[in-house]
Amino acid sequence: MGLNTDYATAEPSRAEIDALEEATVLEFGSPECGHCRAAQALIAQAFADHPRVGHIKIEDGRGRPLGRSFAVKLWPTLIFLRHGKEVERLVRPADARAILQALIRIDVAR
């Protein structure tokens, strides 16, 4: 649980994501994406008080089924899940406060 700084080496299936019980944030992006790199400090800052929330960092791109199943079009896209269901979505967040507010909504153990 907690913040991941590396992209997952294997993309989980949509069924695996839908079966998640714990609060989780999916982060879709790419290591070459400038917007993604710029958002990393904001994401880390927001996650500092939410170590119980899972974070799956997924390298997205053409032909990647998980990103398509969530209709991801821009990077980074953060999808906030509770019990495998989308609660909120942030696209290209530019404010740690917005990320923190969404984390609070899914971190029910807090």
PDB file of N, CA and C in Angstrom:
ATOM      1  N   MET A   1       0.839  -1.178   0.000  1.00  0.00           N
ATOM      2  CA  MET A   1       0.000   0.000   0.000  1.00  0.00           C
ATOM      3  C   MET A   1       0.883   1.240   0.000  1.00  0.00           C
ATOM      4  N   GLY A   2       0.280   2.362  -0.257  1.00  0.00           N
ATOM      5  CA  GLY A   2       1.027   3.605  -0.285  1.00  0.00           C
ATOM      6  C   GLY A   2       1.488   3.949  -1.683  1.00  0.00           C
ATOM      7  N   LEU A   3       2.223   5.023  -1.759  1.00  0.00           N
ATOM      8  CA  LEU A   3       2.661   5.592  -3.025  1.00  0.00           C
ATOM      9  C   LEU A   3       3.716   4.742  -3.719  1.00  0.00           C
ATOM     10  N   ASN A   4       3.527   4.519  -5.010  1.00  0.00           N
ATOM     11  CA  ASN A   4       4.524   3.860  -5.856  1.00  0.00           C
ATOM     12  C   ASN A   4       5.176   4.918  -6.737  1.00  0.00           C
ATOM     13  N   THR A   5       6.476   4.854  -6.858  1.00  0.00           N
ATOM     14  CA  THR A   5       7.168   5.826  -7.705  1.00  0.00           C
ATOM     15  C   THR A   5       7.508   5.254  -9.076  1.00  0.00           C
ATOM     16  N   ASP A   6       7.353   3.949  -9.236  1.00  0.00           N
ATOM     17  CA  ASP A   6       7.671   3.294 -10.505  1.00  0.00           C
ATOM     18  C   ASP A   6       6.406   2.779 -11.175  1.00  0.00           C
ATOM     19  N   TYR A   7       6.427   2.799 -12.494  1.00  0.00           N
ATOM     20  CA  TYR A   7       5.314   2.234 -13.235  1.00  0.00           C
ATOM     21  C   TYR A   7       5.318   0.721 -13.080  1.00  0.00           C
ATOM     22  N   ALA A   8       4.135   0.130 -12.971  1.00  0.00           N
ATOM     23  CA  ALA A   8       3.998  -1.321 -12.838  1.00  0.00           C
ATOM     24  C   ALA A   8       4.602  -2.003 -14.058  1.00  0.00           C
ATOM     25  N   THR A   9       5.298  -3.117 -13.824  1.00  0.00           N
ATOM     26  CA  THR A   9       5.899  -3.841 -14.946  1.00  0.00           C
ATOM     27  C   THR A   9       4.853  -4.639 -15.717  1.00  0.00           C
ATOM     28  N   ALA A  10       3.772  -5.020 -15.040  1.00  0.00           N
ATOM     29  CA  ALA A  10       2.685  -5.747 -15.696  1.00  0.00           C
ATOM     30  C   ALA A  10       1.373  -5.036 -15.376  1.00  0.00           C
ATOM     31  N   GLU A  11       0.606  -4.789 -16.424  1.00  0.00           N
ATOM     32  CA  GLU A  11      -0.682  -4.120 -16.252  1.00  0.00           C
ATOM     33  C   GLU A  11      -1.697  -5.091 -15.657  1.00  0.00           C
ATOM     34  N   PRO A  12      -2.355  -4.718 -14.552  1.00  0.00           N
ATOM     35  CA  PRO A  12      -3.392  -5.608 -14.019  1.00  0.00           C
ATOM     36  C   PRO A  12      -4.588  -5.653 -14.966  1.00  0.00           C
ATOM     37  N   SER A  13      -5.388  -6.670 -14.846  1.00  0.00           N
ATOM     38  CA  SER A  13      -6.597  -6.772 -15.676  1.00  0.00           C
ATOM     39  C   SER A  13      -7.701  -5.922 -15.065  1.00  0.00           C
ATOM     40  N   ARG A  14      -8.692  -5.609 -15.846  1.00  0.00           N
ATOM     41  CA  ARG A  14      -9.833  -4.842 -15.331  1.00  0.00           C
ATOM     42  C   ARG A  14     -10.546  -5.639 -14.242  1.00  0.00           C
ATOM     43  N   ALA A  15     -10.623  -6.958 -14.399  1.00  0.00           N
ATOM     44  CA  ALA A  15     -11.259  -7.793 -13.378  1.00  0.00           C
ATOM     45  C   ALA A  15     -10.502  -7.698 -12.047  1.00  0.00           C
ATOM     46  N   GLU A  16      -9.172  -7.662 -12.100  1.00  0.00           N
ATOM     47  CA  GLU A  16      -8.375  -7.518 -10.872  1.00  0.00           C
ATOM     48  C   GLU A  16      -8.643  -6.166 -10.206  1.00  0.00           C
ATOM     49  N   ILE A  17      -8.748  -5.124 -11.008  1.00  0.00           N
ATOM     50  CA  ILE A  17      -9.021  -3.792 -10.468  1.00  0.00           C
ATOM     51  C   ILE A  17     -10.423  -3.746  -9.866  1.00  0.00           C
ATOM     52  N   ASP A  18     -11.400  -4.281 -10.575  1.00  0.00           N
ATOM     53  CA  ASP A  18     -12.781  -4.279 -10.084  1.00  0.00           C
ATOM     54  C   ASP A  18     -12.929  -5.066  -8.785  1.00  0.00           C
ATOM     55  N   ALA A  19     -12.050  -6.035  -8.534  1.00  0.00           N
ATOM     56  CA  ALA A  19     -12.115  -6.868  -7.334  1.00  0.00           C
ATOM     57  C   ALA A  19     -11.385  -6.270  -6.133  1.00  0.00           C
ATOM     58  N   LEU A  20     -10.718  -5.136  -6.310  1.00  0.00           N
ATOM     59  CA  LEU A  20      -9.983  -4.523  -5.199  1.00  0.00           C
ATOM     60  C   LEU A  20     -10.935  -4.126  -4.083  1.00  0.00           C
ATOM     61  N   GLU A  21     -10.582  -4.466  -2.868  1.00  0.00           N
ATOM     62  CA  GLU A  21     -11.391  -4.072  -1.712  1.00  0.00           C
ATOM     63  C   GLU A  21     -10.882  -2.783  -1.082  1.00  0.00           C
ATOM     64  N   GLU A  22      -9.558  -2.598  -1.093  1.00  0.00           N
ATOM     65  CA  GLU A  22      -8.985  -1.429  -0.427  1.00  0.00           C
ATOM     66  C   GLU A  22      -9.082  -0.181  -1.306  1.00  0.00           C
ATOM     67  N   ALA A  23      -9.060   0.961  -0.651  1.00  0.00           N
ATOM     68  CA  ALA A  23      -9.037   2.235  -1.368  1.00  0.00           C
ATOM     69  C   ALA A  23      -7.760   2.274  -2.197  1.00  0.00           C
ATOM     70  N   THR A  24      -7.898   2.622  -3.460  1.00  0.00           N
ATOM     71  CA  THR A  24      -6.763   2.583  -4.393  1.00  0.00           C
ATOM     72  C   THR A  24      -6.865   3.732  -5.384  1.00  0.00           C
ATOM     73  N   VAL A  25      -5.695   4.247  -5.769  1.00  0.00           N
ATOM     74  CA  VAL A  25      -5.629   5.249  -6.834  1.00  0.00           C
ATOM     75  C   VAL A  25      -4.888   4.625  -8.005  1.00  0.00           C
ATOM     76  N   LEU A  26      -5.508   4.658  -9.167  1.00  0.00           N
ATOM     77  CA  LEU A  26      -4.841   4.265 -10.402  1.00  0.00           C
ATOM     78  C   LEU A  26      -4.289   5.534 -11.026  1.00  0.00           C
ATOM     79  N   GLU A  27      -3.021   5.507 -11.355  1.00  0.00           N
ATOM     80  CA  GLU A  27      -2.398   6.651 -12.022  1.00  0.00           C
ATOM     81  C   GLU A  27      -1.957   6.202 -13.404  1.00  0.00           C
ATOM     82  N   PHE A  28      -2.605   6.735 -14.434  1.00  0.00           N
ATOM     83  CA  PHE A  28      -2.252   6.419 -15.810  1.00  0.00           C
ATOM     84  C   PHE A  28      -1.352   7.522 -16.350  1.00  0.00           C
ATOM     85  N   GLY A  29      -0.262   7.127 -16.991  1.00  0.00           N
ATOM     86  CA  GLY A  29       0.651   8.105 -17.557  1.00  0.00           C
ATOM     87  C   GLY A  29       1.782   7.430 -18.299  1.00  0.00           C
ATOM     88  N   SER A  30       2.867   8.158 -18.465  1.00  0.00           N
ATOM     89  CA  SER A  30       4.033   7.665 -19.175  1.00  0.00           C
ATOM     90  C   SER A  30       5.275   8.353 -18.616  1.00  0.00           C
ATOM     91  N   PRO A  31       6.407   7.634 -18.531  1.00  0.00           N
ATOM     92  CA  PRO A  31       7.618   8.270 -18.021  1.00  0.00           C
ATOM     93  C   PRO A  31       8.110   9.419 -18.900  1.00  0.00           C
ATOM     94  N   GLU A  32       7.722   9.433 -20.170  1.00  0.00           N
ATOM     95  CA  GLU A  32       8.148  10.503 -21.082  1.00  0.00           C
ATOM     96  C   GLU A  32       7.234  11.727 -21.035  1.00  0.00           C
ATOM     97  N   CYS A  33       6.132  11.635 -20.334  1.00  0.00           N
ATOM     98  CA  CYS A  33       5.122  12.704 -20.303  1.00  0.00           C
ATOM     99  C   CYS A  33       5.523  13.815 -19.331  1.00  0.00           C
ATOM    100  N   GLY A  34       5.681  15.014 -19.842  1.00  0.00           N
ATOM    101  CA  GLY A  34       6.041  16.155 -19.006  1.00  0.00           C
ATOM    102  C   GLY A  34       4.992  16.482 -17.960  1.00  0.00           C
ATOM    103  N   HIS A  35       3.711  16.367 -18.313  1.00  0.00           N
ATOM    104  CA  HIS A  35       2.631  16.614 -17.354  1.00  0.00           C
ATOM    105  C   HIS A  35       2.700  15.593 -16.214  1.00  0.00           C
ATOM    106  N   CYS A  36       3.030  14.353 -16.562  1.00  0.00           N
ATOM    107  CA  CYS A  36       3.130  13.289 -15.555  1.00  0.00           C
ATOM    108  C   CYS A  36       4.274  13.578 -14.587  1.00  0.00           C
ATOM    109  N   ARG A  37       5.419  13.949 -15.126  1.00  0.00           N
ATOM    110  CA  ARG A  37       6.572  14.264 -14.272  1.00  0.00           C
ATOM    111  C   ARG A  37       6.264  15.457 -13.376  1.00  0.00           C
ATOM    112  N   ALA A  38       5.596  16.466 -13.913  1.00  0.00           N
ATOM    113  CA  ALA A  38       5.274  17.662 -13.131  1.00  0.00           C
ATOM    114  C   ALA A  38       4.308  17.360 -11.991  1.00  0.00           C
ATOM    115  N   ALA A  39       3.449  16.374 -12.159  1.00  0.00           N
ATOM    116  CA  ALA A  39       2.451  16.038 -11.132  1.00  0.00           C
ATOM    117  C   ALA A  39       3.009  15.182 -10.001  1.00  0.00           C
ATOM    118  N   GLN A  40       4.190  14.604 -10.164  1.00  0.00           N
ATOM    119  CA  GLN A  40       4.693  13.653  -9.171  1.00  0.00           C
ATOM    120  C   GLN A  40       4.855  14.250  -7.777  1.00  0.00           C
ATOM    121  N   ALA A  41       5.368  15.457  -7.676  1.00  0.00           N
ATOM    122  CA  ALA A  41       5.536  16.079  -6.352  1.00  0.00           C
ATOM    123  C   ALA A  41       4.179  16.334  -5.700  1.00  0.00           C
ATOM    124  N   LEU A  42       3.184  16.722  -6.492  1.00  0.00           N
ATOM    125  CA  LEU A  42       1.840  16.963  -5.962  1.00  0.00           C
ATOM    126  C   LEU A  42       1.217  15.676  -5.457  1.00  0.00           C
ATOM    127  N   ILE A  43       1.390  14.607  -6.218  1.00  0.00           N
ATOM    128  CA  ILE A  43       0.846  13.303  -5.829  1.00  0.00           C
ATOM    129  C   ILE A  43       1.510  12.823  -4.540  1.00  0.00           C
ATOM    130  N   ALA A  44       2.834  12.927  -4.466  1.00  0.00           N
ATOM    131  CA  ALA A  44       3.567  12.505  -3.266  1.00  0.00           C
ATOM    132  C   ALA A  44       3.135  13.317  -2.055  1.00  0.00           C
ATOM    133  N   GLN A  45       2.968  14.619  -2.230  1.00  0.00           N
ATOM    134  CA  GLN A  45       2.540  15.479  -1.125  1.00  0.00           C
ATOM    135  C   GLN A  45       1.164  15.054  -0.605  1.00  0.00           C
ATOM    136  N   ALA A  46       0.232  14.788  -1.496  1.00  0.00           N
ATOM    137  CA  ALA A  46      -1.119  14.396  -1.102  1.00  0.00           C
ATOM    138  C   ALA A  46      -1.147  13.026  -0.437  1.00  0.00           C
ATOM    139  N   PHE A  47      -0.308  12.112  -0.910  1.00  0.00           N
ATOM    140  CA  PHE A  47      -0.284  10.754  -0.358  1.00  0.00           C
ATOM    141  C   PHE A  47       0.397  10.683   1.007  1.00  0.00           C
ATOM    142  N   ALA A  48       1.139  11.698   1.393  1.00  0.00           N
ATOM    143  CA  ALA A  48       1.914  11.650   2.638  1.00  0.00           C
ATOM    144  C   ALA A  48       1.054  11.294   3.853  1.00  0.00           C
ATOM    145  N   ASP A  49      -0.172  11.760   3.891  1.00  0.00           N
ATOM    146  CA  ASP A  49      -1.056  11.474   5.026  1.00  0.00           C
ATOM    147  C   ASP A  49      -2.020  10.321   4.777  1.00  0.00           C
ATOM    148  N   HIS A  50      -1.820   9.580   3.705  1.00  0.00           N
ATOM    149  CA  HIS A  50      -2.739   8.488   3.363  1.00  0.00           C
ATOM    150  C   HIS A  50      -1.974   7.213   3.007  1.00  0.00           C
ATOM    151  N   PRO A  51      -1.157   6.698   3.933  1.00  0.00           N
ATOM    152  CA  PRO A  51      -0.338   5.519   3.625  1.00  0.00           C
ATOM    153  C   PRO A  51      -1.138   4.237   3.417  1.00  0.00           C
ATOM    154  N   ARG A  52      -2.389   4.219   3.856  1.00  0.00           N
ATOM    155  CA  ARG A  52      -3.223   3.010   3.688  1.00  0.00           C
ATOM    156  C   ARG A  52      -3.839   2.905   2.301  1.00  0.00           C
ATOM    157  N   VAL A  53      -3.845   3.997   1.568  1.00  0.00           N
ATOM    158  CA  VAL A  53      -4.441   3.988   0.231  1.00  0.00           C
ATOM    159  C   VAL A  53      -3.439   3.387  -0.751  1.00  0.00           C
ATOM    160  N   GLY A  54      -3.888   2.404  -1.498  1.00  0.00           N
ATOM    161  CA  GLY A  54      -3.036   1.788  -2.505  1.00  0.00           C
ATOM    162  C   GLY A  54      -2.838   2.712  -3.700  1.00  0.00           C
ATOM    163  N   HIS A  55      -1.740   2.519  -4.398  1.00  0.00           N
ATOM    164  CA  HIS A  55      -1.425   3.351  -5.566  1.00  0.00           C
ATOM    165  C   HIS A  55      -0.827   2.441  -6.629  1.00  0.00           C
ATOM    166  N   ILE A  56      -1.489   2.374  -7.764  1.00  0.00           N
ATOM    167  CA  ILE A  56      -0.992   1.576  -8.875  1.00  0.00           C
ATOM    168  C   ILE A  56      -0.692   2.537 -10.014  1.00  0.00           C
ATOM    169  N   LYS A  57       0.571   2.625 -10.352  1.00  0.00           N
ATOM    170  CA  LYS A  57       1.045   3.541 -11.387  1.00  0.00           C
ATOM    171  C   LYS A  57       1.184   2.735 -12.676  1.00  0.00           C
ATOM    172  N   ILE A  58       0.387   3.072 -13.677  1.00  0.00           N
ATOM    173  CA  ILE A  58       0.291   2.267 -14.890  1.00  0.00           C
ATOM    174  C   ILE A  58       0.772   3.062 -16.095  1.00  0.00           C
ATOM    175  N   GLU A  59       1.759   2.501 -16.796  1.00  0.00           N
ATOM    176  CA  GLU A  59       2.212   3.126 -18.037  1.00  0.00           C
ATOM    177  C   GLU A  59       1.145   2.865 -19.093  1.00  0.00           C
ATOM    178  N   ASP A  60       0.588   3.941 -19.599  1.00  0.00           N
ATOM    179  CA  ASP A  60      -0.512   3.841 -20.543  1.00  0.00           C
ATOM    180  C   ASP A  60       0.001   4.103 -21.950  1.00  0.00           C
ATOM    181  N   GLY A  61      -0.796   3.772 -22.929  1.00  0.00           N
ATOM    182  CA  GLY A  61      -0.438   4.022 -24.316  1.00  0.00           C
ATOM    183  C   GLY A  61      -1.340   3.260 -25.253  1.00  0.00           C
ATOM    184  N   ARG A  62      -1.059   3.423 -26.503  1.00  0.00           N
ATOM    185  CA  ARG A  62      -1.837   2.762 -27.555  1.00  0.00           C
ATOM    186  C   ARG A  62      -1.848   1.251 -27.326  1.00  0.00           C
ATOM    187  N   GLY A  63      -3.029   0.673 -27.406  1.00  0.00           N
ATOM    188  CA  GLY A  63      -3.175  -0.772 -27.272  1.00  0.00           C
ATOM    189  C   GLY A  63      -3.160  -1.289 -25.848  1.00  0.00           C
ATOM    190  N   ARG A  64      -3.148  -0.401 -24.858  1.00  0.00           N
ATOM    191  CA  ARG A  64      -3.172  -0.825 -23.458  1.00  0.00           C
ATOM    192  C   ARG A  64      -4.629  -0.910 -23.006  1.00  0.00           C
ATOM    193  N   PRO A  65      -5.126  -2.107 -22.725  1.00  0.00           N
ATOM    194  CA  PRO A  65      -6.561  -2.278 -22.479  1.00  0.00           C
ATOM    195  C   PRO A  65      -7.084  -1.630 -21.190  1.00  0.00           C
ATOM    196  N   LEU A  66      -6.287  -1.579 -20.141  1.00  0.00           N
ATOM    197  CA  LEU A  66      -6.818  -1.043 -18.888  1.00  0.00           C
ATOM    198  C   LEU A  66      -7.145   0.449 -19.029  1.00  0.00           C
ATOM    199  N   GLY A  67      -6.247   1.203 -19.598  1.00  0.00           N
ATOM    200  CA  GLY A  67      -6.513   2.631 -19.818  1.00  0.00           C
ATOM    201  C   GLY A  67      -7.726   2.850 -20.698  1.00  0.00           C
ATOM    202  N   ARG A  68      -7.879   2.024 -21.732  1.00  0.00           N
ATOM    203  CA  ARG A  68      -9.044   2.161 -22.608  1.00  0.00           C
ATOM    204  C   ARG A  68     -10.327   1.825 -21.855  1.00  0.00           C
ATOM    205  N   SER A  69     -10.278   0.837 -20.950  1.00  0.00           N
ATOM    206  CA  SER A  69     -11.488   0.451 -20.216  1.00  0.00           C
ATOM    207  C   SER A  69     -11.950   1.568 -19.284  1.00  0.00           C
ATOM    208  N   PHE A  70     -11.031   2.462 -18.890  1.00  0.00           N
ATOM    209  CA  PHE A  70     -11.378   3.619 -18.067  1.00  0.00           C
ATOM    210  C   PHE A  70     -11.506   4.898 -18.903  1.00  0.00           C
ATOM    211  N   ALA A  71     -11.463   4.779 -20.220  1.00  0.00           N
ATOM    212  CA  ALA A  71     -11.604   5.916 -21.147  1.00  0.00           C
ATOM    213  C   ALA A  71     -10.582   7.020 -20.862  1.00  0.00           C
ATOM    214  N   VAL A  72      -9.346   6.622 -20.559  1.00  0.00           N
ATOM    215  CA  VAL A  72      -8.271   7.583 -20.320  1.00  0.00           C
ATOM    216  C   VAL A  72      -7.862   8.200 -21.650  1.00  0.00           C
ATOM    217  N   LYS A  73      -7.812   9.534 -21.686  1.00  0.00           N
ATOM    218  CA  LYS A  73      -7.442  10.236 -22.912  1.00  0.00           C
ATOM    219  C   LYS A  73      -6.228  11.136 -22.711  1.00  0.00           C
ATOM    220  N   LEU A  74      -6.046  11.692 -21.507  1.00  0.00           N
ATOM    221  CA  LEU A  74      -4.926  12.580 -21.203  1.00  0.00           C
ATOM    222  C   LEU A  74      -4.161  12.049 -20.003  1.00  0.00           C
ATOM    223  N   TRP A  75      -2.879  12.389 -19.951  1.00  0.00           N
ATOM    224  CA  TRP A  75      -2.039  11.963 -18.832  1.00  0.00           C
ATOM    225  C   TRP A  75      -1.576  13.161 -18.031  1.00  0.00           C
ATOM    226  N   PRO A  76      -1.328  12.998 -16.768  1.00  0.00           N
ATOM    227  CA  PRO A  76      -1.750  11.862 -15.974  1.00  0.00           C
ATOM    228  C   PRO A  76      -3.247  11.930 -15.684  1.00  0.00           C
ATOM    229  N   THR A  77      -3.834  10.771 -15.575  1.00  0.00           N
ATOM    230  CA  THR A  77      -5.206  10.641 -15.102  1.00  0.00           C
ATOM    231  C   THR A  77      -5.151   9.821 -13.828  1.00  0.00           C
ATOM    232  N   LEU A  78      -5.727  10.358 -12.764  1.00  0.00           N
ATOM    233  CA  LEU A  78      -5.816   9.666 -11.480  1.00  0.00           C
ATOM    234  C   LEU A  78      -7.255   9.227 -11.288  1.00  0.00           C
ATOM    235  N   ILE A  79      -7.436   7.934 -11.035  1.00  0.00           N
ATOM    236  CA  ILE A  79      -8.768   7.394 -10.801  1.00  0.00           C
ATOM    237  C   ILE A  79      -8.790   6.866  -9.375  1.00  0.00           C
ATOM    238  N   PHE A  80      -9.691   7.400  -8.572  1.00  0.00           N
ATOM    239  CA  PHE A  80      -9.798   7.078  -7.156  1.00  0.00           C
ATOM    240  C   PHE A  80     -10.889   6.026  -6.977  1.00  0.00           C
ATOM    241  N   LEU A  81     -10.508   4.883  -6.437  1.00  0.00           N
ATOM    242  CA  LEU A  81     -11.415   3.742  -6.310  1.00  0.00           C
ATOM    243  C   LEU A  81     -11.686   3.397  -4.857  1.00  0.00           C
ATOM    244  N   ARG A  82     -12.904   3.022  -4.581  1.00  0.00           N
ATOM    245  CA  ARG A  82     -13.270   2.415  -3.301  1.00  0.00           C
ATOM    246  C   ARG A  82     -14.047   1.146  -3.642  1.00  0.00           C
ATOM    247  N   HIS A  83     -13.591   0.020  -3.122  1.00  0.00           N
ATOM    248  CA  HIS A  83     -14.195  -1.295  -3.417  1.00  0.00           C
ATOM    249  C   HIS A  83     -14.265  -1.548  -4.924  1.00  0.00           C
ATOM    250  N   GLY A  84     -13.217  -1.137  -5.638  1.00  0.00           N
ATOM    251  CA  GLY A  84     -13.122  -1.394  -7.065  1.00  0.00           C
ATOM    252  C   GLY A  84     -13.988  -0.513  -7.943  1.00  0.00           C
ATOM    253  N   LYS A  85     -14.673   0.450  -7.349  1.00  0.00           N
ATOM    254  CA  LYS A  85     -15.563   1.343  -8.103  1.00  0.00           C
ATOM    255  C   LYS A  85     -14.985   2.760  -8.121  1.00  0.00           C
ATOM    256  N   GLU A  86     -15.076   3.403  -9.263  1.00  0.00           N
ATOM    257  CA  GLU A  86     -14.580   4.774  -9.392  1.00  0.00           C
ATOM    258  C   GLU A  86     -15.432   5.730  -8.565  1.00  0.00           C
ATOM    259  N   VAL A  87     -14.753   6.501  -7.715  1.00  0.00           N
ATOM    260  CA  VAL A  87     -15.408   7.507  -6.885  1.00  0.00           C
ATOM    261  C   VAL A  87     -15.142   8.900  -7.452  1.00  0.00           C
ATOM    262  N   GLU A  88     -13.923   9.086  -7.947  1.00  0.00           N
ATOM    263  CA  GLU A  88     -13.541  10.390  -8.489  1.00  0.00           C
ATOM    264  C   GLU A  88     -12.426  10.202  -9.499  1.00  0.00           C
ATOM    265  N   ARG A  89     -12.239  11.218 -10.341  1.00  0.00           N
ATOM    266  CA  ARG A  89     -11.200  11.206 -11.370  1.00  0.00           C
ATOM    267  C   ARG A  89     -10.620  12.608 -11.483  1.00  0.00           C
ATOM    268  N   LEU A  90      -9.307  12.685 -11.568  1.00  0.00           N
ATOM    269  CA  LEU A  90      -8.625  13.951 -11.809  1.00  0.00           C
ATOM    270  C   LEU A  90      -7.733  13.779 -13.032  1.00  0.00           C
ATOM    271  N   VAL A  91      -7.834  14.708 -13.948  1.00  0.00           N
ATOM    272  CA  VAL A  91      -7.023  14.681 -15.162  1.00  0.00           C
ATOM    273  C   VAL A  91      -6.077  15.874 -15.114  1.00  0.00           C
ATOM    274  N   ARG A  92      -4.779  15.587 -15.261  1.00  0.00           N
ATOM    275  CA  ARG A  92      -3.725  16.604 -15.205  1.00  0.00           C
ATOM    276  C   ARG A  92      -3.872  17.508 -13.980  1.00  0.00           C
ATOM    277  N   PRO A  93      -3.869  16.911 -12.786  1.00  0.00           N
ATOM    278  CA  PRO A  93      -4.018  17.733 -11.586  1.00  0.00           C
ATOM    279  C   PRO A  93      -2.863  18.720 -11.453  1.00  0.00           C
ATOM    280  N   ALA A  94      -3.202  19.948 -11.092  1.00  0.00           N
ATOM    281  CA  ALA A  94      -2.194  20.993 -10.932  1.00  0.00           C
ATOM    282  C   ALA A  94      -2.164  21.512  -9.502  1.00  0.00           C
ATOM    283  N   ASP A  95      -2.881  20.812  -8.608  1.00  0.00           N
ATOM    284  CA  ASP A  95      -3.032  21.281  -7.242  1.00  0.00           C
ATOM    285  C   ASP A  95      -3.057  20.078  -6.305  1.00  0.00           C
ATOM    286  N   ALA A  96      -2.156  20.044  -5.327  1.00  0.00           N
ATOM    287  CA  ALA A  96      -2.115  18.931  -4.368  1.00  0.00           C
ATOM    288  C   ALA A  96      -3.403  18.870  -3.565  1.00  0.00           C
ATOM    289  N   ARG A  97      -4.047  20.012  -3.358  1.00  0.00           N
ATOM    290  CA  ARG A  97      -5.281  20.035  -2.570  1.00  0.00           C
ATOM    291  C   ARG A  97      -6.388  19.214  -3.231  1.00  0.00           C
ATOM    292  N   ALA A  98      -6.504  19.290  -4.550  1.00  0.00           N
ATOM    293  CA  ALA A  98      -7.528  18.512  -5.258  1.00  0.00           C
ATOM    294  C   ALA A  98      -7.270  17.016  -5.090  1.00  0.00           C
ATOM    295  N   ILE A  99      -6.010  16.623  -5.157  1.00  0.00           N
ATOM    296  CA  ILE A  99      -5.650  15.214  -4.970  1.00  0.00           C
ATOM    297  C   ILE A  99      -5.970  14.796  -3.537  1.00  0.00           C
ATOM    298  N   LEU A 100      -5.603  15.628  -2.588  1.00  0.00           N
ATOM    299  CA  LEU A 100      -5.859  15.342  -1.178  1.00  0.00           C
ATOM    300  C   LEU A 100      -7.349  15.201  -0.902  1.00  0.00           C
ATOM    301  N   GLN A 101      -8.167  16.081  -1.446  1.00  0.00           N
ATOM    302  CA  GLN A 101      -9.625  16.009  -1.255  1.00  0.00           C
ATOM    303  C   GLN A 101     -10.179  14.676  -1.771  1.00  0.00           C
ATOM    304  N   ALA A 102      -9.700  14.237  -2.933  1.00  0.00           N
ATOM    305  CA  ALA A 102     -10.160  12.964  -3.495  1.00  0.00           C
ATOM    306  C   ALA A 102      -9.681  11.799  -2.641  1.00  0.00           C
ATOM    307  N   LEU A 103      -8.450  11.874  -2.124  1.00  0.00           N
ATOM    308  CA  LEU A 103      -7.942  10.817  -1.241  1.00  0.00           C
ATOM    309  C   LEU A 103      -8.783  10.719   0.025  1.00  0.00           C
ATOM    310  N   ILE A 104      -9.164  11.842   0.580  1.00  0.00           N
ATOM    311  CA  ILE A 104      -9.998  11.842   1.787  1.00  0.00           C
ATOM    312  C   ILE A 104     -11.319  11.131   1.522  1.00  0.00           C
ATOM    313  N   ARG A 105     -11.893  11.321   0.351  1.00  0.00           N
ATOM    314  CA  ARG A 105     -13.181  10.695   0.008  1.00  0.00           C
ATOM    315  C   ARG A 105     -13.092   9.160  -0.059  1.00  0.00           C
ATOM    316  N   ILE A 106     -11.933   8.637  -0.432  1.00  0.00           N
ATOM    317  CA  ILE A 106     -11.842   7.173  -0.536  1.00  0.00           C
ATOM    318  C   ILE A 106     -11.182   6.529   0.678  1.00  0.00           C
ATOM    319  N   ASP A 107     -10.462   7.289   1.496  1.00  0.00           N
ATOM    320  CA  ASP A 107      -9.744   6.740   2.643  1.00  0.00           C
ATOM    321  C   ASP A 107     -10.689   6.691   3.843  1.00  0.00           C
ATOM    322  N   VAL A 108     -11.605   5.718   3.836  1.00  0.00           N
ATOM    323  CA  VAL A 108     -12.623   5.616   4.873  1.00  0.00           C
ATOM    324  C   VAL A 108     -12.064   5.174   6.218  1.00  0.00           C
ATOM    325  N   ALA A 109     -10.865   4.591   6.237  1.00  0.00           N
ATOM    326  CA  ALA A 109     -10.266   4.135   7.491  1.00  0.00           C
ATOM    327  C   ALA A 109      -9.633   5.288   8.253  1.00  0.00           C
ATOM    328  N   ARG A 110      -9.545   6.410   7.658  1.00  0.00           N
ATOM    329  CA  ARG A 110      -8.880   7.577   8.241  1.00  0.00           C
ATOM    330  C   ARG A 110      -9.605   8.103   9.439  1.00  0.00           C
TER     331      ARG A 110
END
